[in-house]
N, C-alpha and C. Protein backbone atom coordinates (compact mmCIF):
# COMPACT_ATOMS: atom_id res chain seq x y z
N MET A 1 98.94 19.72 13.95
CA MET A 1 98.51 20.87 14.73
C MET A 1 97.26 20.54 15.53
N LYS A 2 96.32 19.83 14.92
CA LYS A 2 95.08 19.46 15.59
C LYS A 2 95.36 18.58 16.81
N ASN A 3 96.27 17.62 16.69
CA ASN A 3 96.62 16.74 17.81
C ASN A 3 97.33 17.50 18.93
N ILE A 4 98.17 18.45 18.56
CA ILE A 4 98.85 19.26 19.57
C ILE A 4 97.82 20.07 20.36
N PHE A 5 96.85 20.64 19.67
CA PHE A 5 95.80 21.41 20.33
C PHE A 5 94.99 20.52 21.27
N LYS A 6 94.62 19.30 20.81
CA LYS A 6 93.88 18.36 21.65
C LYS A 6 94.69 18.00 22.89
N PHE A 7 95.98 17.72 22.70
CA PHE A 7 96.85 17.36 23.81
C PHE A 7 96.94 18.51 24.81
N PHE A 8 97.10 19.74 24.33
CA PHE A 8 97.16 20.90 25.20
C PHE A 8 95.86 21.07 25.97
N CYS A 9 94.74 20.94 25.31
CA CYS A 9 93.43 21.06 25.98
C CYS A 9 93.27 19.99 27.04
N TRP A 10 93.69 18.76 26.72
CA TRP A 10 93.57 17.66 27.68
C TRP A 10 94.43 17.94 28.92
N LEU A 11 95.69 18.40 28.72
CA LEU A 11 96.54 18.74 29.85
C LEU A 11 95.96 19.88 30.67
N LEU A 12 95.41 20.86 29.99
CA LEU A 12 94.80 21.99 30.66
C LEU A 12 93.62 21.54 31.50
N LEU A 13 92.79 20.69 30.93
CA LEU A 13 91.64 20.16 31.65
C LEU A 13 92.07 19.37 32.87
N LEU A 14 93.05 18.50 32.70
CA LEU A 14 93.51 17.68 33.82
C LEU A 14 94.11 18.51 34.94
N SER A 15 94.67 19.66 34.61
CA SER A 15 95.26 20.48 35.66
C SER A 15 94.21 21.08 36.58
N PHE A 16 92.94 21.08 36.14
CA PHE A 16 91.88 21.64 36.97
C PHE A 16 90.94 20.58 37.51
N VAL A 17 91.20 19.33 37.23
CA VAL A 17 90.39 18.25 37.77
C VAL A 17 91.05 17.76 39.04
N PRO A 18 90.27 17.40 40.04
CA PRO A 18 90.85 17.01 41.33
C PRO A 18 91.89 15.92 41.20
N GLN A 19 92.95 16.03 41.97
CA GLN A 19 94.00 15.02 41.93
C GLN A 19 93.60 13.75 42.65
N LYS A 20 92.80 13.81 43.67
CA LYS A 20 92.36 12.62 44.38
C LYS A 20 90.90 12.79 44.79
N VAL A 21 90.04 12.95 43.82
CA VAL A 21 88.63 13.10 44.11
C VAL A 21 88.14 11.87 44.87
N PHE A 22 87.40 12.06 45.92
CA PHE A 22 86.80 10.99 46.72
C PHE A 22 87.82 10.16 47.47
N ALA A 23 89.10 10.46 47.35
CA ALA A 23 90.12 9.63 47.99
C ALA A 23 90.03 9.67 49.50
N GLN A 24 89.57 10.77 50.06
CA GLN A 24 89.51 10.85 51.50
C GLN A 24 88.44 9.94 52.07
N PHE A 25 87.47 9.53 51.29
CA PHE A 25 86.44 8.63 51.77
C PHE A 25 86.80 7.17 51.49
N ALA A 26 88.08 6.88 51.41
CA ALA A 26 88.55 5.52 51.19
C ALA A 26 88.44 4.70 52.47
N THR A 27 88.29 3.38 52.31
CA THR A 27 88.13 2.51 53.47
C THR A 27 89.42 2.37 54.27
N ASP A 28 90.57 2.72 53.69
CA ASP A 28 91.83 2.59 54.42
C ASP A 28 92.21 3.88 55.15
N ASN A 29 91.32 4.84 55.19
CA ASN A 29 91.58 6.10 55.86
C ASN A 29 91.21 5.96 57.33
N ASP A 30 92.06 6.46 58.22
CA ASP A 30 91.83 6.34 59.66
C ASP A 30 90.93 7.43 60.22
N LEU A 31 90.63 8.46 59.44
CA LEU A 31 89.78 9.52 59.94
C LEU A 31 88.35 9.01 60.13
N PRO A 32 87.67 9.45 61.18
CA PRO A 32 86.29 9.01 61.37
C PRO A 32 85.38 9.62 60.32
N THR A 33 84.32 8.89 59.98
CA THR A 33 83.31 9.36 59.04
C THR A 33 82.03 9.62 59.81
N GLU A 34 81.46 10.79 59.62
CA GLU A 34 80.23 11.17 60.30
C GLU A 34 79.15 11.40 59.26
N ALA A 35 77.97 10.82 59.48
CA ALA A 35 76.86 10.98 58.55
C ALA A 35 75.63 11.45 59.30
N THR A 36 74.93 12.41 58.71
CA THR A 36 73.64 12.83 59.25
C THR A 36 72.62 12.81 58.12
N ALA A 37 71.38 12.52 58.47
CA ALA A 37 70.28 12.47 57.51
C ALA A 37 68.98 12.53 58.29
N ASP A 38 67.89 12.74 57.59
CA ASP A 38 66.59 12.71 58.25
C ASP A 38 66.20 11.29 58.64
N LEU A 39 66.64 10.31 57.83
CA LEU A 39 66.31 8.91 58.08
C LEU A 39 67.46 8.03 57.63
N ILE A 40 67.85 7.05 58.46
CA ILE A 40 68.88 6.08 58.09
C ILE A 40 68.31 4.69 58.33
N ILE A 41 68.35 3.85 57.28
CA ILE A 41 67.84 2.48 57.36
C ILE A 41 68.96 1.55 56.95
N ASN A 42 69.23 0.51 57.75
CA ASN A 42 70.22 -0.50 57.41
C ASN A 42 69.51 -1.83 57.35
N SER A 43 69.53 -2.47 56.16
CA SER A 43 68.82 -3.73 55.99
C SER A 43 69.48 -4.56 54.90
N ASN A 44 69.73 -5.82 55.19
CA ASN A 44 70.25 -6.77 54.21
C ASN A 44 71.49 -6.28 53.48
N GLY A 45 72.43 -5.70 54.21
CA GLY A 45 73.69 -5.29 53.60
C GLY A 45 73.65 -3.97 52.86
N THR A 46 72.54 -3.24 52.94
CA THR A 46 72.43 -1.94 52.29
C THR A 46 72.01 -0.91 53.33
N THR A 47 72.70 0.21 53.33
CA THR A 47 72.34 1.31 54.21
C THR A 47 71.81 2.43 53.35
N ILE A 48 70.63 2.95 53.70
CA ILE A 48 70.01 4.04 52.96
C ILE A 48 69.89 5.24 53.88
N LEU A 49 70.46 6.36 53.43
CA LEU A 49 70.35 7.62 54.15
C LEU A 49 69.50 8.53 53.27
N SER A 50 68.50 9.16 53.85
CA SER A 50 67.66 10.04 53.03
C SER A 50 67.30 11.31 53.79
N GLY A 51 67.08 12.36 53.04
CA GLY A 51 66.72 13.65 53.60
C GLY A 51 67.93 14.44 54.03
N GLN A 52 68.38 15.34 53.19
CA GLN A 52 69.51 16.22 53.46
C GLN A 52 70.71 15.46 54.02
N VAL A 53 71.17 14.48 53.25
CA VAL A 53 72.30 13.65 53.65
C VAL A 53 73.57 14.50 53.65
N ASP A 54 74.34 14.38 54.72
CA ASP A 54 75.58 15.11 54.88
C ASP A 54 76.61 14.14 55.47
N VAL A 55 77.61 13.75 54.66
CA VAL A 55 78.63 12.81 55.09
C VAL A 55 79.96 13.56 55.10
N ARG A 56 80.68 13.46 56.23
CA ARG A 56 81.94 14.20 56.38
C ARG A 56 83.04 13.26 56.86
N GLN A 57 84.22 13.49 56.31
CA GLN A 57 85.42 12.82 56.79
C GLN A 57 86.55 13.83 56.69
N GLY A 58 87.08 14.24 57.84
CA GLY A 58 88.06 15.32 57.83
C GLY A 58 87.40 16.57 57.29
N ASP A 59 88.06 17.23 56.34
CA ASP A 59 87.48 18.43 55.74
C ASP A 59 86.86 18.15 54.37
N THR A 60 86.53 16.88 54.12
CA THR A 60 85.84 16.50 52.89
C THR A 60 84.38 16.23 53.22
N ARG A 61 83.50 16.66 52.33
CA ARG A 61 82.06 16.58 52.60
C ARG A 61 81.31 16.14 51.34
N ILE A 62 80.32 15.26 51.51
CA ILE A 62 79.42 14.88 50.43
C ILE A 62 78.00 15.18 50.88
N LEU A 63 77.26 15.89 50.03
CA LEU A 63 75.86 16.21 50.29
C LEU A 63 75.01 15.60 49.18
N ALA A 64 73.82 15.14 49.53
CA ALA A 64 72.87 14.61 48.55
C ALA A 64 71.50 14.51 49.20
N ASP A 65 70.49 14.32 48.37
CA ASP A 65 69.14 14.10 48.90
C ASP A 65 69.02 12.69 49.48
N LYS A 66 69.70 11.74 48.81
CA LYS A 66 69.62 10.33 49.24
C LYS A 66 70.94 9.65 48.92
N MET A 67 71.34 8.72 49.79
CA MET A 67 72.56 7.96 49.56
C MET A 67 72.31 6.50 49.91
N LYS A 68 72.71 5.60 48.99
CA LYS A 68 72.64 4.16 49.24
C LYS A 68 74.06 3.64 49.30
N ILE A 69 74.35 2.89 50.37
CA ILE A 69 75.67 2.29 50.53
C ILE A 69 75.48 0.78 50.48
N PHE A 70 76.05 0.16 49.44
CA PHE A 70 75.90 -1.28 49.22
C PHE A 70 77.09 -2.01 49.81
N GLY A 71 76.83 -3.07 50.51
CA GLY A 71 77.89 -3.82 51.17
C GLY A 71 77.80 -3.56 52.65
N GLY A 72 78.69 -4.18 53.37
CA GLY A 72 78.56 -4.14 54.82
C GLY A 72 79.11 -2.92 55.48
N ILE A 73 78.26 -2.23 56.18
CA ILE A 73 78.71 -1.31 57.20
C ILE A 73 78.37 -2.04 58.48
N THR A 74 79.35 -2.66 59.05
CA THR A 74 79.12 -3.49 60.23
C THR A 74 79.77 -2.86 61.44
N THR A 75 79.21 -3.16 62.58
CA THR A 75 79.81 -2.72 63.82
C THR A 75 80.08 -3.93 64.68
N GLY A 76 81.12 -3.87 65.44
CA GLY A 76 81.48 -4.98 66.31
C GLY A 76 82.33 -4.48 67.45
N ASP A 77 83.03 -5.39 68.11
CA ASP A 77 83.86 -5.03 69.25
C ASP A 77 84.97 -4.06 68.86
N GLU A 78 85.43 -4.14 67.61
CA GLU A 78 86.52 -3.28 67.14
C GLU A 78 86.01 -1.95 66.58
N GLY A 79 84.71 -1.72 66.60
CA GLY A 79 84.15 -0.50 66.03
C GLY A 79 83.54 -0.77 64.67
N SER A 80 83.38 0.25 63.87
CA SER A 80 82.76 0.11 62.56
C SER A 80 83.74 -0.43 61.54
N ASN A 81 83.22 -1.19 60.58
CA ASN A 81 84.03 -1.73 59.49
C ASN A 81 83.34 -1.40 58.18
N THR A 82 84.03 -0.69 57.30
CA THR A 82 83.46 -0.32 56.01
C THR A 82 84.19 -1.01 54.86
N ASP A 83 85.00 -2.02 55.16
CA ASP A 83 85.80 -2.69 54.13
C ASP A 83 84.97 -3.38 53.06
N ASP A 84 83.75 -3.78 53.37
CA ASP A 84 82.94 -4.53 52.43
C ASP A 84 82.07 -3.66 51.53
N ILE A 85 82.21 -2.35 51.60
CA ILE A 85 81.41 -1.47 50.75
C ILE A 85 81.80 -1.69 49.29
N SER A 86 80.81 -2.01 48.45
CA SER A 86 81.08 -2.27 47.04
C SER A 86 80.66 -1.11 46.14
N ARG A 87 79.69 -0.32 46.59
CA ARG A 87 79.14 0.74 45.75
C ARG A 87 78.47 1.78 46.65
N ILE A 88 78.59 3.03 46.25
CA ILE A 88 77.87 4.11 46.92
C ILE A 88 77.16 4.92 45.84
N GLU A 89 75.86 5.12 46.00
CA GLU A 89 75.07 5.93 45.07
C GLU A 89 74.50 7.12 45.83
N ALA A 90 74.83 8.32 45.39
CA ALA A 90 74.29 9.54 45.98
C ALA A 90 73.43 10.21 44.91
N THR A 91 72.15 10.42 45.22
CA THR A 91 71.23 10.95 44.21
C THR A 91 70.58 12.24 44.69
N GLY A 92 70.36 13.13 43.75
CA GLY A 92 69.69 14.39 44.02
C GLY A 92 70.58 15.42 44.68
N ASN A 93 70.80 16.52 43.99
CA ASN A 93 71.58 17.64 44.54
C ASN A 93 72.91 17.19 45.12
N PHE A 94 73.68 16.47 44.32
CA PHE A 94 74.96 15.91 44.75
C PHE A 94 76.03 17.00 44.80
N TYR A 95 76.78 17.02 45.91
CA TYR A 95 77.92 17.91 46.07
C TYR A 95 79.07 17.10 46.67
N TYR A 96 80.28 17.31 46.16
CA TYR A 96 81.51 16.77 46.75
C TYR A 96 82.38 17.99 47.01
N ILE A 97 82.69 18.25 48.27
CA ILE A 97 83.34 19.50 48.64
C ILE A 97 84.61 19.22 49.44
N THR A 98 85.72 19.83 49.01
CA THR A 98 86.97 19.82 49.76
C THR A 98 87.41 21.28 49.88
N PRO A 99 88.44 21.56 50.66
CA PRO A 99 88.91 22.94 50.74
C PRO A 99 89.39 23.50 49.40
N ASP A 100 89.81 22.63 48.46
CA ASP A 100 90.38 23.08 47.19
C ASP A 100 89.43 23.03 46.01
N GLN A 101 88.30 22.32 46.15
CA GLN A 101 87.44 22.12 44.98
C GLN A 101 86.02 21.80 45.40
N GLU A 102 85.13 21.92 44.42
CA GLU A 102 83.75 21.55 44.62
C GLU A 102 83.24 20.92 43.32
N VAL A 103 82.60 19.76 43.45
CA VAL A 103 81.98 19.10 42.30
C VAL A 103 80.49 19.02 42.57
N ARG A 104 79.69 19.47 41.62
CA ARG A 104 78.24 19.40 41.74
C ARG A 104 77.68 18.59 40.59
N GLY A 105 76.55 17.97 40.83
CA GLY A 105 75.86 17.24 39.78
C GLY A 105 74.54 16.71 40.31
N ASP A 106 73.83 16.00 39.45
CA ASP A 106 72.56 15.43 39.87
C ASP A 106 72.78 14.17 40.71
N ASN A 107 73.78 13.35 40.32
CA ASN A 107 74.03 12.08 40.99
C ASN A 107 75.53 11.78 41.01
N GLY A 108 75.96 11.01 42.02
CA GLY A 108 77.34 10.56 42.10
C GLY A 108 77.39 9.09 42.47
N VAL A 109 78.28 8.33 41.83
CA VAL A 109 78.40 6.89 42.10
C VAL A 109 79.87 6.53 42.26
N TYR A 110 80.18 5.80 43.35
CA TYR A 110 81.51 5.25 43.56
C TYR A 110 81.41 3.73 43.41
N LEU A 111 82.29 3.13 42.58
CA LEU A 111 82.36 1.68 42.41
C LEU A 111 83.72 1.19 42.88
N LYS A 112 83.70 0.35 43.90
CA LYS A 112 84.96 -0.18 44.42
C LYS A 112 85.63 -1.11 43.42
N SER A 113 84.84 -1.90 42.67
CA SER A 113 85.40 -2.88 41.74
C SER A 113 86.29 -2.24 40.68
N SER A 114 85.91 -1.08 40.20
CA SER A 114 86.72 -0.39 39.19
C SER A 114 87.46 0.81 39.79
N ASP A 115 87.22 1.09 41.06
CA ASP A 115 87.81 2.22 41.76
C ASP A 115 87.59 3.51 40.99
N THR A 116 86.31 3.72 40.59
CA THR A 116 85.95 4.91 39.84
C THR A 116 84.86 5.69 40.57
N PHE A 117 84.84 6.96 40.29
CA PHE A 117 83.87 7.88 40.84
C PHE A 117 83.25 8.60 39.64
N THR A 118 81.92 8.54 39.51
CA THR A 118 81.23 9.14 38.37
C THR A 118 80.16 10.10 38.86
N VAL A 119 80.16 11.31 38.31
CA VAL A 119 79.13 12.30 38.60
C VAL A 119 78.39 12.56 37.30
N ARG A 120 77.05 12.51 37.35
CA ARG A 120 76.24 12.69 36.14
C ARG A 120 75.21 13.80 36.33
N GLY A 121 74.91 14.46 35.23
CA GLY A 121 73.84 15.44 35.19
C GLY A 121 74.26 16.82 35.66
N ASN A 122 74.36 17.75 34.73
CA ASN A 122 74.66 19.15 35.07
C ASN A 122 75.91 19.28 35.93
N VAL A 123 76.98 18.64 35.52
CA VAL A 123 78.21 18.62 36.30
C VAL A 123 78.89 19.98 36.25
N ILE A 124 79.29 20.44 37.43
CA ILE A 124 80.08 21.66 37.56
C ILE A 124 81.26 21.34 38.46
N LEU A 125 82.46 21.59 37.97
CA LEU A 125 83.67 21.41 38.76
C LEU A 125 84.28 22.79 38.98
N LEU A 126 84.38 23.19 40.24
CA LEU A 126 84.97 24.47 40.60
C LEU A 126 86.29 24.20 41.30
N GLN A 127 87.33 24.84 40.82
CA GLN A 127 88.63 24.73 41.48
C GLN A 127 89.25 26.12 41.41
N GLY A 128 89.30 26.78 42.57
CA GLY A 128 89.71 28.18 42.57
C GLY A 128 88.69 28.98 41.80
N ASP A 129 89.15 29.84 40.89
CA ASP A 129 88.25 30.63 40.05
C ASP A 129 87.93 29.93 38.74
N ASN A 130 88.45 28.73 38.53
CA ASN A 130 88.28 28.01 37.27
C ASN A 130 87.05 27.10 37.35
N VAL A 131 86.38 26.95 36.20
CA VAL A 131 85.14 26.19 36.14
C VAL A 131 85.16 25.26 34.94
N VAL A 132 84.78 23.99 35.15
CA VAL A 132 84.58 23.04 34.06
C VAL A 132 83.15 22.54 34.18
N THR A 133 82.40 22.56 33.07
CA THR A 133 81.03 22.06 33.09
C THR A 133 80.85 21.01 31.99
N GLY A 134 79.95 20.10 32.23
CA GLY A 134 79.62 19.05 31.27
C GLY A 134 78.47 18.23 31.80
N ASP A 135 78.22 17.11 31.17
CA ASP A 135 77.14 16.25 31.62
C ASP A 135 77.62 15.14 32.54
N THR A 136 78.86 14.66 32.33
CA THR A 136 79.38 13.54 33.11
C THR A 136 80.85 13.77 33.42
N LEU A 137 81.23 13.46 34.67
CA LEU A 137 82.63 13.46 35.09
C LEU A 137 82.94 12.05 35.55
N ILE A 138 83.96 11.43 34.94
CA ILE A 138 84.40 10.08 35.34
C ILE A 138 85.84 10.20 35.81
N TYR A 139 86.09 9.73 37.04
CA TYR A 139 87.42 9.83 37.60
C TYR A 139 87.88 8.46 38.05
N ASP A 140 89.04 8.01 37.54
CA ASP A 140 89.63 6.74 37.91
C ASP A 140 90.64 6.99 39.02
N LEU A 141 90.36 6.44 40.20
CA LEU A 141 91.23 6.69 41.35
C LEU A 141 92.59 6.03 41.21
N LYS A 142 92.67 4.92 40.47
CA LYS A 142 93.96 4.23 40.30
C LYS A 142 94.88 5.01 39.38
N THR A 143 94.38 5.37 38.22
CA THR A 143 95.21 6.05 37.22
C THR A 143 95.20 7.56 37.36
N GLU A 144 94.28 8.09 38.18
CA GLU A 144 94.08 9.52 38.35
C GLU A 144 93.72 10.20 37.03
N GLU A 145 93.03 9.46 36.16
CA GLU A 145 92.60 10.00 34.88
C GLU A 145 91.16 10.48 35.01
N ALA A 146 90.90 11.64 34.48
CA ALA A 146 89.57 12.23 34.54
C ALA A 146 89.05 12.50 33.14
N GLN A 147 87.75 12.33 32.97
CA GLN A 147 87.09 12.67 31.71
C GLN A 147 85.86 13.50 32.04
N VAL A 148 85.65 14.57 31.29
CA VAL A 148 84.41 15.31 31.38
C VAL A 148 83.77 15.19 30.01
N ILE A 149 82.52 14.76 29.99
CA ILE A 149 81.82 14.43 28.74
C ILE A 149 80.56 15.28 28.63
N GLY A 150 80.28 15.74 27.42
CA GLY A 150 79.06 16.49 27.16
C GLY A 150 77.99 15.59 26.56
N THR A 151 76.87 16.18 26.21
CA THR A 151 75.77 15.42 25.61
C THR A 151 75.73 15.57 24.10
N CYS A 152 76.56 16.45 23.56
CA CYS A 152 76.56 16.70 22.12
C CYS A 152 78.00 16.89 21.64
N ASN A 153 78.28 16.46 20.41
CA ASN A 153 79.62 16.58 19.85
C ASN A 153 79.58 17.39 18.56
N GLY A 154 80.61 18.18 18.34
CA GLY A 154 80.75 18.88 17.07
C GLY A 154 80.23 20.30 17.10
N ARG A 155 80.59 21.03 16.05
CA ARG A 155 80.22 22.44 15.94
C ARG A 155 78.73 22.65 15.75
N SER A 156 78.04 21.65 15.22
CA SER A 156 76.61 21.82 14.98
C SER A 156 75.83 21.98 16.29
N CYS A 157 76.45 21.63 17.41
CA CYS A 157 75.80 21.76 18.72
C CYS A 157 75.81 23.20 19.21
N GLY A 158 76.68 24.02 18.64
CA GLY A 158 76.88 25.34 19.21
C GLY A 158 77.59 25.16 20.54
N THR A 159 77.10 25.82 21.56
CA THR A 159 77.70 25.65 22.88
C THR A 159 76.85 24.75 23.77
N GLU A 160 75.67 24.39 23.33
CA GLU A 160 74.78 23.57 24.14
C GLU A 160 75.24 22.12 24.17
N GLY A 161 75.34 21.56 25.35
CA GLY A 161 75.66 20.15 25.50
C GLY A 161 77.13 19.80 25.37
N ARG A 162 77.97 20.78 25.15
CA ARG A 162 79.40 20.51 25.02
C ARG A 162 80.10 20.82 26.33
N VAL A 163 81.27 20.25 26.53
CA VAL A 163 82.07 20.52 27.71
C VAL A 163 82.62 21.94 27.60
N LYS A 164 82.56 22.67 28.70
CA LYS A 164 83.06 24.05 28.72
C LYS A 164 84.08 24.21 29.84
N ILE A 165 85.10 25.02 29.55
CA ILE A 165 86.13 25.33 30.53
C ILE A 165 86.27 26.85 30.60
N LEU A 166 86.23 27.39 31.81
CA LEU A 166 86.48 28.81 32.02
C LEU A 166 87.71 28.92 32.90
N LEU A 167 88.77 29.46 32.33
CA LEU A 167 90.04 29.61 33.05
C LEU A 167 90.27 31.08 33.32
N LYS A 168 90.49 31.41 34.56
CA LYS A 168 90.77 32.79 34.93
C LYS A 168 92.27 33.03 34.80
N ASN A 169 92.64 34.14 34.22
CA ASN A 169 94.04 34.51 34.12
C ASN A 169 94.53 34.93 35.50
N SER A 170 95.80 34.69 35.78
CA SER A 170 96.36 35.06 37.07
C SER A 170 96.32 36.57 37.26
N THR A 171 96.34 37.35 36.17
CA THR A 171 96.26 38.80 36.29
C THR A 171 94.88 39.25 36.70
N ASP A 172 93.83 38.42 36.47
CA ASP A 172 92.49 38.76 36.90
C ASP A 172 92.39 38.84 38.42
N ASN A 173 93.23 38.11 39.12
CA ASN A 173 93.19 38.05 40.58
C ASN A 173 93.99 39.16 41.25
N GLU A 174 94.75 39.94 40.46
CA GLU A 174 95.62 40.97 41.01
C GLU A 174 94.89 42.26 41.28
N ASN A 175 93.68 42.43 40.77
CA ASN A 175 92.94 43.69 40.93
C ASN A 175 92.39 43.87 42.30
């Protein structure tokens, strides 16, 4: 019975986690990427954007106080090339926003080597009227597996530091 409950909770959680978080900001996407910030510095293969960073591609948006892009953002006769990006770190007031969902946290990191996207610190995932909160969200773009992790385990924690899910009933929306 305990395993069935865990399996049900895991399926329920996965149904509210983004299906392709950060996928629109992939290097193989043909949509243009636009970035604005108070200051942009490109030096030695690292680009640093700081001050109300706002990066958009299509209807996907990432906001942060500061963003570091490791690897080459190069420009040439063919235009910009982002194929060499190895890591992106977005720190301070991190938001990942699509028309279907919003992820908030203190920091967000994308690693090309493992094709993972991690959000840490006061994570809030909003999808429709449903809410998932925790300390860390780890999303594997290859397997589409998501984990939300808290800072405390077990009943002795009470509700502090544990992962929480708020699911709205479909009848709640009929009023």
